[in-house]
Amino acid sequence: MEANQNNGIKESKLQSDRKLSIVISGWPAVGKTTIAENLARDFNLKLWNGGDILKMMAHDRGYSSSLSHDWWDTEEAANFMNERSNNPNFDREVDNRLIELLNEGNVVITSYTLPWIANATINFWLQGSVDNRSKRMSMRDNIDIDSAKKIVQRRDFENKLIYKKLYQFEFGEKLDVFDFAMNTDILTLESLILLSKNIVENVLRT
């Protein structure tokens, strides 16, 4: 379904000379990275993840962060999140780096914030219930469903708190900044990958 159905893809973005840039946003464990990886491969785009850049910054500050998906679910990551929530420079630095990459073009980026603070050719939003995202995290990270649900709920709360404080927007609400929104509770991830590819192909033909 389209989040910005009346306006479609913003005409000014399509008429610009900038190279293709795609941002995929959505709740934790909703499938952003999987879709981004497929788009990056099929359209020869560079793939960037705001979480990975944040992990690099954590490592620079002495945390033993890794690029694995499940580092965010550790006690050390929780401590880092507590430090992060009290220091807006963490997230501003991540976003500034991502905006630079976005402006270079030929990229697909997964990010919680970019659709609200920068312009991409296409902004995707992925919606998903806590229960379904918890099941996905449980299978992905090989943890029990109750633990996954607690992690998902904690990260949802932290994200909303951080971005409200940092940028004054309500994460997950007022989705008019997105060109397309897709509900992962209704369609399978495989269907969403095919749908997103079809959207990109049609935008490129415009």
Protein backbone atom coordinates (compact mmCIF):
# COMPACT_ATOMS: atom_id res chain seq x y z
CA MET A 1 0.00 0.00 0.00
CA GLU A 2 1.22 3.52 -0.65
CA ALA A 3 1.84 5.83 2.27
CA ASN A 4 1.89 8.87 0.02
CA GLN A 5 -0.65 7.75 -2.54
CA ASN A 6 -1.95 11.18 -3.51
CA ASN A 7 1.44 12.58 -4.36
CA GLY A 8 3.22 9.38 -5.40
CA ILE A 9 6.97 9.63 -5.78
CA LYS A 10 7.80 13.27 -5.33
CA GLU A 11 8.22 14.77 -8.80
CA SER A 12 11.07 17.03 -7.76
CA LYS A 13 13.09 14.03 -6.63
CA LEU A 14 12.62 12.12 -9.87
CA GLN A 15 13.48 15.10 -12.03
CA SER A 16 16.74 15.81 -10.20
CA ASP A 17 20.11 14.72 -11.51
CA ARG A 18 20.93 12.75 -8.37
CA LYS A 19 21.65 9.06 -8.66
CA LEU A 20 19.25 6.48 -7.28
CA SER A 21 19.02 6.45 -3.51
CA ILE A 22 16.72 4.22 -1.47
CA VAL A 23 16.01 4.34 2.25
CA ILE A 24 14.23 1.51 4.05
CA SER A 25 12.86 2.27 7.50
CA GLY A 26 10.61 0.45 9.92
CA TRP A 27 10.41 -1.16 13.32
CA PRO A 28 13.22 -3.41 14.63
CA ALA A 29 13.24 -6.99 13.29
CA VAL A 30 10.77 -6.20 10.51
CA GLY A 31 12.95 -7.30 7.58
CA LYS A 32 14.65 -4.05 6.52
CA THR A 33 18.09 -5.55 6.01
CA THR A 34 16.85 -8.54 4.00
CA ILE A 35 14.99 -6.34 1.53
CA ALA A 36 17.88 -3.86 1.35
CA GLU A 37 20.37 -6.64 0.59
CA ASN A 38 18.23 -7.86 -2.30
CA LEU A 39 17.80 -4.36 -3.75
CA ALA A 40 21.51 -3.66 -3.41
CA ARG A 41 22.38 -6.85 -5.27
CA ASP A 42 19.82 -6.53 -8.06
CA PHE A 43 20.32 -2.83 -8.76
CA ASN A 44 24.07 -2.69 -8.12
CA LEU A 45 23.74 -0.33 -5.16
CA LYS A 46 26.00 0.12 -2.16
CA LEU A 47 24.42 -1.09 1.07
CA TRP A 48 24.72 0.87 4.30
CA ASN A 49 23.21 0.28 7.70
CA GLY A 50 22.90 2.94 10.36
CA GLY A 51 23.17 0.29 13.04
CA ASP A 52 26.53 -0.89 11.73
CA ILE A 53 27.91 2.65 11.77
CA LEU A 54 26.62 3.03 15.33
CA LYS A 55 28.38 -0.21 16.27
CA MET A 56 31.63 1.13 14.79
CA MET A 57 31.25 4.22 16.95
CA ALA A 58 30.60 2.02 19.98
CA HIS A 59 33.78 0.09 19.21
CA ASP A 60 35.71 3.35 18.97
CA ARG A 61 34.45 4.17 22.47
CA GLY A 62 35.70 0.91 23.94
CA TYR A 63 32.74 -1.43 23.51
CA SER A 64 33.44 -4.87 22.07
CA SER A 65 30.75 -4.47 19.45
CA SER A 66 30.68 -6.66 16.37
CA LEU A 67 28.79 -6.48 13.09
CA SER A 68 26.61 -9.48 13.97
CA HIS A 69 22.87 -8.90 14.20
CA ASP A 70 22.57 -10.10 17.77
CA TRP A 71 25.09 -7.71 19.38
CA TRP A 72 22.21 -5.30 20.00
CA ASP A 73 20.58 -7.93 22.17
CA THR A 74 23.48 -8.19 24.65
CA GLU A 75 23.85 -6.55 28.06
CA GLU A 76 26.82 -4.58 26.74
CA ALA A 77 24.66 -3.14 23.96
CA ALA A 78 22.03 -2.19 26.55
CA ASN A 79 24.71 -0.26 28.45
CA PHE A 80 25.74 1.45 25.24
CA MET A 81 22.11 2.37 24.57
CA ASN A 82 21.91 3.98 28.00
CA GLU A 83 24.99 6.06 27.18
CA ARG A 84 23.63 6.82 23.74
CA SER A 85 20.27 8.05 25.07
CA ASN A 86 22.07 10.70 27.12
CA ASN A 87 24.32 11.87 24.30
CA PRO A 88 22.58 13.07 21.11
CA ASN A 89 25.94 13.34 19.35
CA PHE A 90 25.94 9.57 18.86
CA ASP A 91 22.91 9.55 16.61
CA ARG A 92 23.59 12.89 14.97
CA GLU A 93 27.01 11.63 13.91
CA VAL A 94 25.51 8.44 12.47
CA ASP A 95 22.87 10.39 10.58
CA ASN A 96 25.36 12.92 9.26
CA ARG A 97 27.50 10.11 7.89
CA LEU A 98 24.47 8.45 6.31
CA ILE A 99 23.29 11.71 4.73
CA GLU A 100 26.70 12.10 3.09
CA LEU A 101 26.40 8.58 1.66
CA LEU A 102 22.82 9.26 0.57
CA ASN A 103 23.87 12.40 -1.28
CA GLU A 104 26.54 10.45 -3.17
CA GLY A 105 23.77 8.27 -4.61
CA ASN A 106 23.65 4.69 -5.88
CA VAL A 107 22.90 3.49 -2.36
CA VAL A 108 20.30 1.65 -0.36
CA ILE A 109 20.31 2.50 3.33
CA THR A 110 18.40 1.07 6.26
CA SER A 111 17.77 3.84 8.75
CA TYR A 112 15.27 4.78 11.43
CA THR A 113 15.64 8.52 10.86
CA LEU A 114 16.66 9.49 7.31
CA PRO A 115 13.16 9.71 5.79
CA TRP A 116 12.31 12.44 8.29
CA ILE A 117 15.54 14.46 7.88
CA ALA A 118 16.85 13.90 4.32
CA ASN A 119 15.67 13.30 0.73
CA ALA A 120 15.99 9.98 -1.07
CA THR A 121 14.63 8.90 -4.43
CA ILE A 122 12.43 6.33 -2.68
CA ASN A 123 11.54 5.98 1.00
CA PHE A 124 10.08 2.63 2.09
CA TRP A 125 8.36 2.00 5.42
CA LEU A 126 7.95 -1.55 6.75
CA GLN A 127 5.17 -2.11 9.27
CA GLY A 128 4.94 -5.17 11.51
CA SER A 129 3.29 -6.25 14.74
CA VAL A 130 5.29 -6.94 17.89
CA ASP A 131 4.28 -10.62 17.79
CA ASN A 132 5.40 -11.22 14.22
CA ARG A 133 8.62 -9.28 14.68
CA SER A 134 9.34 -11.25 17.83
CA LYS A 135 8.89 -14.51 15.93
CA ARG A 136 11.26 -13.26 13.24
CA MET A 137 13.90 -12.25 15.81
CA SER A 138 13.48 -15.57 17.63
CA MET A 139 14.23 -17.54 14.44
CA ARG A 140 16.92 -15.13 13.26
CA ASP A 141 18.89 -15.00 16.50
CA ASN A 142 18.00 -18.45 17.85
CA ILE A 143 16.45 -17.20 21.09
CA ASP A 144 13.17 -18.05 22.77
CA ILE A 145 10.07 -16.11 21.77
CA ASP A 146 9.54 -14.48 25.16
CA SER A 147 13.07 -13.09 25.23
CA ALA A 148 12.68 -11.85 21.67
CA LYS A 149 9.43 -10.09 22.53
CA LYS A 150 11.04 -8.30 25.46
CA ILE A 151 13.90 -7.16 23.23
CA VAL A 152 11.54 -5.93 20.50
CA GLN A 153 9.41 -3.99 22.96
CA ARG A 154 12.47 -2.46 24.63
CA ARG A 155 13.97 -1.37 21.34
CA ASP A 156 10.64 0.05 20.15
CA PHE A 157 10.43 2.16 23.29
CA GLU A 158 14.05 3.29 23.10
CA ASN A 159 13.78 4.30 19.44
CA LYS A 160 10.65 6.37 20.01
CA LEU A 161 12.22 8.06 23.02
CA ILE A 162 15.54 8.83 21.33
CA TYR A 163 14.16 10.25 18.09
CA LYS A 164 11.48 12.29 19.80
CA LYS A 165 14.16 13.87 21.93
CA LEU A 166 16.65 14.27 19.09
CA TYR A 167 14.50 15.33 16.12
CA GLN A 168 11.04 15.97 17.62
CA PHE A 169 9.24 13.44 15.43
CA GLU A 170 7.14 10.47 16.50
CA PHE A 171 8.83 7.36 15.15
CA GLY A 172 6.30 5.09 13.45
CA GLU A 173 3.66 7.81 13.10
CA LYS A 174 2.84 10.41 10.45
CA LEU A 175 4.11 8.28 7.59
CA ASP A 176 3.60 10.96 4.93
CA VAL A 177 7.40 11.22 4.60
CA PHE A 178 7.33 7.78 2.95
CA ASP A 179 6.59 7.03 -0.68
CA PHE A 180 5.54 3.43 -0.02
CA ALA A 181 4.51 1.53 3.12
CA MET A 182 4.29 -2.27 3.24
CA ASN A 183 2.74 -4.43 5.93
CA THR A 184 4.91 -7.43 6.77
CA ASP A 185 2.03 -9.07 8.66
CA ILE A 186 0.06 -9.43 5.43
CA LEU A 187 2.70 -10.35 2.85
CA THR A 188 5.61 -12.76 3.13
CA LEU A 189 9.13 -11.39 3.05
CA GLU A 190 9.63 -12.99 -0.35
CA SER A 191 6.57 -11.17 -1.69
CA LEU A 192 7.79 -7.89 -0.21
CA ILE A 193 11.16 -8.31 -1.91
CA LEU A 194 9.47 -8.82 -5.28
CA LEU A 195 7.14 -5.88 -4.67
CA SER A 196 9.96 -3.53 -3.71
CA LYS A 197 11.97 -4.57 -6.79
CA ASN A 198 8.98 -3.89 -9.00
CA ILE A 199 8.55 -0.44 -7.46
CA VAL A 200 12.20 0.45 -8.04
CA GLU A 201 12.05 -0.78 -11.65
CA ASN A 202 9.00 1.36 -12.33
CA VAL A 203 10.57 4.42 -10.72
CA LEU A 204 13.66 3.99 -12.88
CA ARG A 205 11.47 3.91 -15.98
CA THR A 206 9.68 7.12 -15.01
